[in-house]
Amino acid sequence: MVVFDTNLLLNLYRYNAETRASIVDVLTALGDRFWVPHQVLEEFWRNRERALVDPLGQIQQTAVDLEKLRASAVEQLRMWVNRAVVSKSDEAQVEAEINVAFANAAALLEGLIDETSVQRARSTQNDPVLSLLEPVLAGRVGAAMPADSYVSAVKEGKRRAEAGEPPGFADIGKTGRGGEGAAGDYLVWEQTLIEAAARGLPVVFVTGDVKRDWWRFEGGNARGPRVELAREMKSRSGQDLYFLRPDKLLEIADAVAVSVRPGSVEDVERTTRIEDEGTNERSDGGWSAEALDALLRRLNYEAPVQEATIRFACQNGGYVSRDDVYRLGEYDASRQLKGFTRPVNRIVQHLRDMRTVPEDAADVLVPVYEEGKHGFGWVDGFRVPAEIVELLRA
C-alpha cells in the first residue's frame, strides 16, 4: 500500500506540467495500491488556494530579492573601486553590465507571471491540478472517521505532541480546524494504521515532510521511519513500514513500468529541498560553512580586528575578553569598544539580504557588558554562538 502525504498533492501546484504528469503516471500505475487518508484530502482542500497562488508570490518575491542583490552588487563594486586604482569609465562599464544582467533576469521572471491563469484556476472547473487528480483519486480516498473516533484521535494526537511522542510533536503550537492543531499528523497516521490493518499490506509512506517527528536521522540525514512508528505499525497491523521522499519515488518509477519525463526527479528534489530549508530544525543558527567563510573574508578586508576577534573567540570556547580585543587590535587602554560589532552586523545583514543566510540567522559577535554599563561601550568581552564555533573548527 502506497500512501501519499498532503504535501505531495499540494506540491503539484509548484511543479511544472511535465513533473505533474510524471507523478500522476506513477499514481495511475500503482492502481489500487495507491491510497490517500481522508485527513490528507481535508488538508489539501484547506490549503489548495494558498498553494495555487504560492508560486506567483514566490516569483514576485524573487523579483524583489533580485533588485536588492543588484543594488548590493553595485554597492560592492563602488566600494572596491574606491580602494583600487580603477578609471571611472571602467567602473561605469562594469556597472552597466551588472544592471543589464539583472534586468534580463527580471524580464525572465516577469515572463513566468501569469496572474490570469492563477485567477482562472481558483475555480475548481478550471484547475489543471484537479483535472489530473480527480480520476486517479476516485475510489482511493479513505472514509471520514466516525465522530467519536475523530474526537478521541485528536485528543491522542495532542497528548503525543505535548509528550514529545511521534508523530506531531514538531507541530506543537500549531492551530487548525476545530481545535485540531498539532493532531493533524497523528490523524493521518491513525487512518493509515487502520487501513494497513484492514488490507494486511506493508506500507510505503511517501512524504516531503522531513521532520524529526516522522523520520529517523543518522548523521544528520533522514534514513527511514522513526523506530517508534515502525513498531506501532507492526503492533497494530502486523505489517512493515517504509518511508520514501517524492524524488526517490520517481527514481524507482520503473518498478511500476513508468518512464519518468526528463527533469522531473530534479524538479521534485528541488522543491523538497526548499521545503526542508523552511521547516527542518536547525542546529547551526542558520549558518553554513560557505556563509561563514564569506563573512570572514569580507571582515579580513574591511575589519581585520573583528575577524581576528571572532577567530580567537572560537579557539577560546566562544568567548573573547576585552583585554584580548585590546591586544589583538593594539588599542590604547582608554579606547571604548562602542560600535565594535557594527561592521560585523552590517556584513551579516548584507548576507541576510542576499539570502546567503536566513533572516533569523544568529548574530556572530555579541557584546557581553559589565553590570550596569550596558550600551556605553564598557564591555567585558564578546561571545560567539556555539554553532559558529563548531563550524569554524570544522
Protein backbone atom coordinates (compact mmCIF):
# COMPACT_ATOMS: atom_id res chain seq x y z
CA MET A 1 0.00 0.00 0.00
CA VAL A 2 1.49 3.35 -1.07
CA VAL A 3 0.23 6.30 0.99
CA PHE A 4 0.68 9.92 -0.06
CA ASP A 5 1.04 12.75 2.46
CA THR A 6 -0.65 16.14 1.96
CA ASN A 7 2.48 17.99 0.84
CA LEU A 8 2.82 15.79 -2.26
CA LEU A 9 -0.64 16.69 -3.53
CA LEU A 10 -0.17 20.40 -2.78
CA ASN A 11 3.25 20.43 -4.45
CA LEU A 12 1.60 19.55 -7.75
CA TYR A 13 0.84 23.28 -7.93
CA ARG A 14 4.56 24.03 -7.62
CA TYR A 15 5.83 21.51 -10.17
CA ASN A 16 5.96 22.15 -13.90
CA ALA A 17 3.49 20.39 -16.22
CA GLU A 18 5.86 17.52 -17.11
CA THR A 19 6.64 16.73 -13.47
CA ARG A 20 2.93 16.74 -12.60
CA ALA A 21 2.31 14.30 -15.41
CA SER A 22 5.12 12.02 -14.18
CA ILE A 23 3.66 11.94 -10.65
CA VAL A 24 0.17 11.15 -11.96
CA ASP A 25 1.58 8.43 -14.23
CA VAL A 26 3.09 6.72 -11.17
CA LEU A 27 -0.18 7.01 -9.22
CA THR A 28 -2.13 5.56 -12.12
CA ALA A 29 0.30 2.66 -12.46
CA LEU A 30 0.03 1.88 -8.73
CA GLY A 31 -3.70 1.31 -9.17
CA ASP A 32 -5.46 0.11 -6.03
CA ARG A 33 -2.20 0.04 -4.10
CA PHE A 34 -2.31 3.87 -4.06
CA TRP A 35 -4.33 5.24 -1.13
CA VAL A 36 -4.90 8.64 0.49
CA PRO A 37 -6.07 9.11 4.11
CA HIS A 38 -9.23 11.19 4.48
CA GLN A 39 -7.26 13.67 6.62
CA VAL A 40 -4.84 14.27 3.73
CA LEU A 41 -7.65 15.25 1.38
CA GLU A 42 -9.17 17.54 4.03
CA GLU A 43 -5.82 19.29 4.45
CA PHE A 44 -5.45 19.51 0.68
CA TRP A 45 -8.75 21.37 0.32
CA ARG A 46 -7.96 23.69 3.22
CA ASN A 47 -4.61 24.70 1.69
CA ARG A 48 -5.39 24.43 -2.03
CA GLU A 49 -5.83 28.14 -2.78
CA ARG A 50 -2.70 29.07 -0.85
CA ALA A 51 -0.70 26.50 -2.83
CA LEU A 52 -2.30 27.78 -6.03
CA VAL A 53 -1.07 31.34 -5.57
CA ASP A 54 2.19 30.42 -3.78
CA PRO A 55 4.33 30.09 -6.96
CA LEU A 56 3.12 33.53 -8.09
CA GLY A 57 4.08 35.05 -4.75
CA GLN A 58 7.48 33.34 -4.85
CA ILE A 59 8.21 34.78 -8.29
CA GLN A 60 7.22 38.27 -7.15
CA GLN A 61 9.37 37.94 -4.01
CA THR A 62 12.29 36.72 -6.11
CA ALA A 63 11.97 39.83 -8.28
CA VAL A 64 12.21 41.99 -5.14
CA ASP A 65 15.20 39.97 -3.91
CA LEU A 66 16.93 40.36 -7.28
CA GLU A 67 16.64 44.13 -7.06
CA LYS A 68 18.24 44.03 -3.61
CA LEU A 69 21.05 41.90 -4.99
CA ARG A 70 21.56 44.28 -7.92
CA ALA A 71 21.84 47.27 -5.59
CA SER A 72 24.19 45.32 -3.32
CA ALA A 73 26.40 44.26 -6.25
CA VAL A 74 26.69 47.87 -7.44
CA GLU A 75 27.48 48.97 -3.88
CA GLN A 76 30.22 46.36 -3.57
CA LEU A 77 31.68 47.39 -6.93
CA ARG A 78 31.83 51.05 -5.92
CA MET A 79 33.32 50.11 -2.54
CA TRP A 80 36.07 48.13 -4.24
CA VAL A 81 36.71 50.86 -6.84
CA ASN A 82 37.25 53.41 -4.05
CA ARG A 83 40.07 51.23 -2.72
CA ALA A 84 41.70 50.49 -6.06
CA VAL A 85 43.12 52.43 -8.98
CA VAL A 86 40.29 51.98 -11.49
CA SER A 87 39.12 54.54 -14.02
CA LYS A 88 35.58 55.90 -13.81
CA SER A 89 34.91 54.74 -17.37
CA ASP A 90 35.83 51.14 -16.49
CA GLU A 91 33.66 51.33 -13.38
CA ALA A 92 30.73 52.68 -15.40
CA GLN A 93 31.07 49.90 -17.98
CA VAL A 94 31.04 47.12 -15.39
CA GLU A 95 28.13 48.74 -13.52
CA ALA A 96 26.17 48.95 -16.77
CA GLU A 97 26.82 45.24 -17.44
CA ILE A 98 25.60 44.37 -13.93
CA ASN A 99 22.41 46.39 -14.50
CA VAL A 100 21.77 44.72 -17.86
CA ALA A 101 22.29 41.23 -16.43
CA PHE A 102 19.83 41.84 -13.59
CA ALA A 103 17.35 43.46 -15.98
CA ASN A 104 17.45 40.32 -18.14
CA ALA A 105 16.84 38.15 -15.07
CA ALA A 106 13.89 40.35 -14.05
CA ALA A 107 12.43 40.09 -17.55
CA LEU A 108 12.72 36.28 -17.39
CA LEU A 109 10.79 36.25 -14.10
CA GLU A 110 8.17 38.62 -15.49
CA GLY A 111 7.51 36.11 -18.27
CA LEU A 112 6.69 33.46 -15.66
CA ILE A 113 3.96 35.52 -14.00
CA ASP A 114 0.54 34.58 -15.33
CA GLU A 115 -1.96 36.07 -12.91
CA THR A 116 -4.84 35.40 -15.29
CA SER A 117 -4.24 31.63 -15.23
CA VAL A 118 -3.95 31.64 -11.45
CA GLN A 119 -7.22 33.53 -11.07
CA ARG A 120 -8.96 31.18 -13.51
CA ALA A 121 -7.68 28.14 -11.62
CA ARG A 122 -9.38 29.37 -8.42
CA SER A 123 -12.50 27.90 -9.97
CA THR A 124 -12.31 24.13 -9.45
CA GLN A 125 -13.62 23.63 -13.01
CA ASN A 126 -10.55 25.40 -14.45
CA ASP A 127 -7.90 23.94 -12.12
CA PRO A 128 -5.44 21.76 -14.13
CA VAL A 129 -4.19 20.01 -10.98
CA LEU A 130 -7.71 18.93 -10.00
CA SER A 131 -8.30 17.72 -13.54
CA LEU A 132 -5.28 15.41 -13.17
CA LEU A 133 -6.11 14.28 -9.64
CA GLU A 134 -9.84 13.61 -9.93
CA PRO A 135 -9.64 10.36 -11.95
CA VAL A 136 -6.65 8.96 -10.05
CA LEU A 137 -8.17 9.68 -6.60
CA ALA A 138 -11.56 8.17 -7.42
CA GLY A 139 -12.18 5.29 -5.01
CA ARG A 140 -8.74 5.67 -3.38
CA VAL A 141 -9.52 8.08 -0.52
CA GLY A 142 -10.27 6.77 2.95
CA ALA A 143 -13.62 7.37 4.60
CA ALA A 144 -14.02 10.05 7.28
CA MET A 145 -13.57 8.80 10.83
CA PRO A 146 -16.75 8.41 12.93
CA ALA A 147 -17.28 11.47 15.14
CA ASP A 148 -16.36 9.76 18.41
CA SER A 149 -13.22 8.16 16.87
CA TYR A 150 -12.21 11.53 15.45
CA VAL A 151 -12.54 13.26 18.84
CA SER A 152 -10.52 10.51 20.52
CA ALA A 153 -7.82 10.69 17.82
CA VAL A 154 -7.49 14.48 18.14
CA LYS A 155 -7.13 14.08 21.91
CA GLU A 156 -4.44 11.41 21.47
CA GLY A 157 -2.64 13.49 18.84
CA LYS A 158 -2.46 16.47 21.17
CA ARG A 159 -1.29 14.26 24.02
CA ARG A 160 1.52 12.89 21.87
CA ALA A 161 2.55 16.36 20.74
CA GLU A 162 2.74 17.59 24.34
CA ALA A 163 4.63 14.46 25.43
CA GLY A 164 7.10 14.63 22.52
CA GLU A 165 5.84 11.35 21.05
CA PRO A 166 5.69 10.89 17.25
CA PRO A 167 4.13 11.90 15.02
CA GLY A 168 3.13 15.53 15.51
CA PHE A 169 5.40 16.94 18.22
CA ALA A 170 7.18 19.10 15.62
CA ASP A 171 3.84 20.91 15.10
CA ILE A 172 3.30 21.79 18.75
CA GLY A 173 1.53 25.16 18.98
CA LYS A 174 0.04 24.81 15.50
CA THR A 175 -3.60 25.82 15.06
CA GLY A 176 -6.17 24.04 12.93
CA ARG A 177 -9.81 23.35 12.20
CA GLY A 178 -11.98 22.65 15.24
CA GLY A 179 -9.03 22.80 17.60
CA GLU A 180 -7.24 20.03 15.66
CA GLY A 181 -3.90 21.85 15.82
CA ALA A 182 -0.84 19.64 16.22
CA ALA A 183 -3.01 16.50 15.94
CA GLY A 184 -3.16 16.72 12.12
CA ASP A 185 -0.17 14.43 11.52
CA TYR A 186 -1.46 11.93 14.04
CA LEU A 187 -4.83 11.80 12.25
CA VAL A 188 -3.01 10.92 9.00
CA TRP A 189 -1.02 8.28 10.89
CA GLU A 190 -4.01 6.74 12.71
CA GLN A 191 -6.03 6.46 9.49
CA THR A 192 -3.03 4.82 7.79
CA LEU A 193 -2.72 2.30 10.62
CA ILE A 194 -6.39 1.38 10.33
CA GLU A 195 -6.18 0.90 6.56
CA ALA A 196 -2.96 -1.14 6.78
CA ALA A 197 -4.61 -3.49 9.28
CA ALA A 198 -7.69 -3.84 7.07
CA ARG A 199 -5.69 -4.59 3.92
CA GLY A 200 -2.95 -6.65 5.50
CA LEU A 201 -0.31 -4.97 3.34
CA PRO A 202 3.06 -3.38 4.13
CA VAL A 203 3.04 0.41 3.87
CA VAL A 204 5.21 2.79 1.86
CA PHE A 205 4.56 6.30 3.20
CA VAL A 206 5.63 8.96 0.70
CA THR A 207 6.20 12.42 2.16
CA GLY A 208 8.30 15.50 1.51
CA ASP A 209 7.85 16.48 5.16
CA VAL A 210 11.29 15.54 6.51
CA LYS A 211 10.81 16.33 10.18
CA ARG A 212 12.10 14.55 13.23
CA ASP A 213 8.65 13.52 14.40
CA TRP A 214 8.39 11.30 11.28
CA TRP A 215 11.91 10.35 10.24
CA ARG A 216 14.84 8.59 11.89
CA PHE A 217 18.03 10.63 11.40
CA GLU A 218 21.56 9.27 11.18
CA GLY A 219 24.48 11.63 10.74
CA GLY A 220 22.05 14.47 10.01
CA ASN A 221 20.36 12.54 7.17
CA ALA A 222 16.81 11.15 7.10
CA ARG A 223 17.16 7.37 6.83
CA GLY A 224 13.66 5.98 7.33
CA PRO A 225 10.68 5.99 9.70
CA ARG A 226 11.25 6.52 13.40
CA VAL A 227 11.61 3.25 15.28
CA GLU A 228 8.52 4.06 17.38
CA LEU A 229 6.39 4.38 14.24
CA ALA A 230 7.72 1.17 12.70
CA ARG A 231 6.99 -0.68 15.93
CA GLU A 232 3.48 0.77 16.17
CA MET A 233 2.74 -0.23 12.57
CA LYS A 234 3.93 -3.77 13.31
CA SER A 235 1.93 -3.96 16.53
CA ARG A 236 -1.32 -2.58 15.07
CA SER A 237 -1.32 -4.21 11.63
CA GLY A 238 1.43 -6.82 11.62
CA GLN A 239 2.98 -5.00 8.65
CA ASP A 240 6.32 -3.36 7.84
CA LEU A 241 6.66 0.39 7.33
CA TYR A 242 8.84 2.15 4.77
CA PHE A 243 9.35 5.87 4.08
CA LEU A 244 10.14 7.48 0.70
CA ARG A 245 10.74 11.04 -0.33
CA PRO A 246 8.92 12.05 -3.53
CA ASP A 247 12.07 12.35 -5.65
CA LYS A 248 13.06 8.80 -4.66
CA LEU A 249 9.61 7.58 -5.69
CA LEU A 250 10.20 8.93 -9.21
CA GLU A 251 13.70 7.45 -9.31
CA ILE A 252 12.27 3.95 -8.86
CA ALA A 253 9.21 4.51 -11.06
CA ASP A 254 10.42 1.85 -13.49
CA ALA A 255 9.33 -0.69 -10.85
CA VAL A 256 5.77 0.04 -11.93
CA ALA A 257 6.71 0.34 -15.63
CA VAL A 258 6.57 4.14 -15.73
CA SER A 259 9.08 6.20 -17.73
CA VAL A 260 9.57 9.48 -15.89
CA ARG A 261 9.89 12.60 -18.04
CA PRO A 262 13.36 14.26 -18.17
CA GLY A 263 13.97 16.72 -15.35
CA SER A 264 11.06 15.53 -13.20
CA VAL A 265 13.24 13.98 -10.49
CA GLU A 266 15.33 17.18 -10.25
CA ASP A 267 12.18 19.32 -10.14
CA VAL A 268 10.72 17.31 -7.26
CA GLU A 269 14.05 17.12 -5.42
CA ARG A 270 14.50 20.89 -5.67
CA THR A 271 11.01 21.60 -4.34
CA THR A 272 11.51 19.16 -1.46
CA ARG A 273 14.88 20.71 -0.60
CA ILE A 274 13.36 24.21 -0.48
CA GLU A 275 10.66 22.92 1.87
CA ASP A 276 13.32 21.30 4.05
CA GLU A 277 15.12 24.62 4.40
CA GLY A 278 11.94 26.22 5.61
CA THR A 279 10.80 23.56 8.08
CA ASN A 280 13.71 21.50 9.36
CA GLU A 281 15.10 22.09 12.80
CA ARG A 282 18.42 23.91 12.52
CA SER A 283 21.36 23.25 14.76
CA ASP A 284 23.66 25.76 13.07
CA GLY A 285 21.83 29.02 13.79
CA GLY A 286 21.15 29.30 10.06
CA TRP A 287 24.84 29.47 9.12
CA SER A 288 26.73 27.26 6.70
CA ALA A 289 30.47 26.84 6.30
CA GLU A 290 30.28 28.74 2.99
CA ALA A 291 28.38 31.68 4.52
CA LEU A 292 30.78 31.92 7.46
CA ASP A 293 33.72 31.86 5.05
CA ALA A 294 32.15 34.73 3.08
CA LEU A 295 31.74 36.76 6.28
CA LEU A 296 35.31 36.19 7.44
CA ARG A 297 36.77 37.01 4.02
CA ARG A 298 34.97 40.36 3.94
CA LEU A 299 35.94 41.13 7.51
CA ASN A 300 39.57 40.32 6.72
CA TYR A 301 39.40 43.04 4.07
CA GLU A 302 37.19 45.62 5.81
CA ALA A 303 37.58 44.98 9.57
CA PRO A 304 40.55 42.68 10.26
CA VAL A 305 40.49 43.18 14.05
CA GLN A 306 36.90 41.96 14.19
CA GLU A 307 37.81 38.95 12.06
CA ALA A 308 40.73 38.13 14.36
CA THR A 309 38.42 38.55 17.38
CA ILE A 310 35.92 36.02 16.02
CA ARG A 311 38.67 33.52 15.24
CA PHE A 312 40.27 33.99 18.67
CA ALA A 313 36.91 33.53 20.42
CA CYS A 314 36.30 30.30 18.51
CA GLN A 315 39.65 28.98 19.75
CA ASN A 316 38.69 30.01 23.29
CA GLY A 317 35.34 28.24 23.69
CA GLY A 318 33.30 31.04 22.12
CA TYR A 319 34.41 33.96 24.34
CA VAL A 320 36.96 36.73 23.98
CA SER A 321 37.69 39.17 26.78
CA ARG A 322 38.01 42.93 26.49
CA ASP A 323 41.73 42.70 27.27
CA ASP A 324 42.21 40.20 24.45
CA VAL A 325 40.45 42.51 22.00
CA TYR A 326 42.69 45.40 23.02
CA ARG A 327 45.72 43.18 22.49
CA LEU A 328 44.51 41.91 19.11
CA GLY A 329 43.74 45.43 17.89
CA GLU A 330 46.73 47.07 19.61
CA TYR A 331 44.26 49.60 21.02
CA ASP A 332 45.01 52.29 23.56
CA ALA A 333 43.68 51.39 27.03
CA SER A 334 41.46 54.48 27.12
CA ARG A 335 39.59 53.48 23.97
CA GLN A 336 35.99 52.33 24.29
CA LEU A 337 34.66 49.45 22.20
CA LYS A 338 31.32 51.05 21.42
CA GLY A 339 30.41 50.22 17.81
CA PHE A 340 32.99 47.43 17.63
CA THR A 341 30.42 44.94 16.32
CA ARG A 342 28.99 47.38 13.75
CA PRO A 343 30.98 46.14 10.70
CA VAL A 344 30.19 42.53 11.61
CA ASN A 345 26.47 43.28 11.93
CA ARG A 346 26.48 45.24 8.66
CA ILE A 347 28.01 42.37 6.69
CA VAL A 348 25.76 39.80 8.39
CA GLN A 349 22.71 41.86 7.40
CA HIS A 350 24.06 42.04 3.86
CA LEU A 351 24.28 38.22 3.80
CA ARG A 352 20.70 38.05 5.07
CA ASP A 353 19.53 40.42 2.33
CA MET A 354 21.28 38.26 -0.26
CA ARG A 355 19.63 35.11 1.19
CA THR A 356 23.09 33.65 1.83
CA VAL A 357 21.83 33.09 5.38
CA PRO A 358 18.19 33.15 6.52
CA GLU A 359 16.65 36.26 8.05
CA ASP A 360 16.77 34.70 11.53
CA ALA A 361 20.43 33.63 11.30
CA ALA A 362 22.24 34.04 14.62
CA ASP A 363 24.33 37.16 15.26
CA VAL A 364 28.01 36.27 15.12
CA LEU A 365 29.63 38.63 17.63
CA VAL A 366 27.57 39.50 20.70
CA PRO A 367 28.81 42.00 23.33
CA VAL A 368 28.87 40.94 26.99
CA TYR A 369 28.53 44.09 29.11
CA GLU A 370 29.73 44.87 32.59
CA GLU A 371 26.86 45.03 35.04
CA GLY A 372 25.29 48.48 34.95
CA LYS A 373 27.32 49.57 31.89
CA HIS A 374 25.12 48.17 29.08
CA GLY A 375 25.16 50.32 25.96
CA PHE A 376 28.03 52.59 26.99
CA GLY A 377 30.90 50.71 25.37
CA TRP A 378 32.40 49.23 28.53
CA VAL A 379 32.11 45.57 27.63
CA ASP A 380 33.57 42.62 29.48
CA GLY A 381 34.11 40.89 26.16
CA PHE A 382 32.30 39.28 23.25
CA ARG A 383 30.55 35.97 22.76
CA VAL A 384 30.38 33.89 19.56
CA PRO A 385 27.48 31.35 19.37
CA ALA A 386 28.43 27.72 19.84
CA GLU A 387 27.14 26.91 16.34
CA ILE A 388 29.65 29.31 14.80
CA VAL A 389 32.45 27.90 16.97
CA GLU A 390 31.69 24.37 15.71
CA LEU A 391 31.50 25.49 12.08
CA LEU A 392 34.82 27.31 12.23
CA ARG A 393 36.51 24.38 13.99
CA ALA A 394 35.16 22.03 11.32
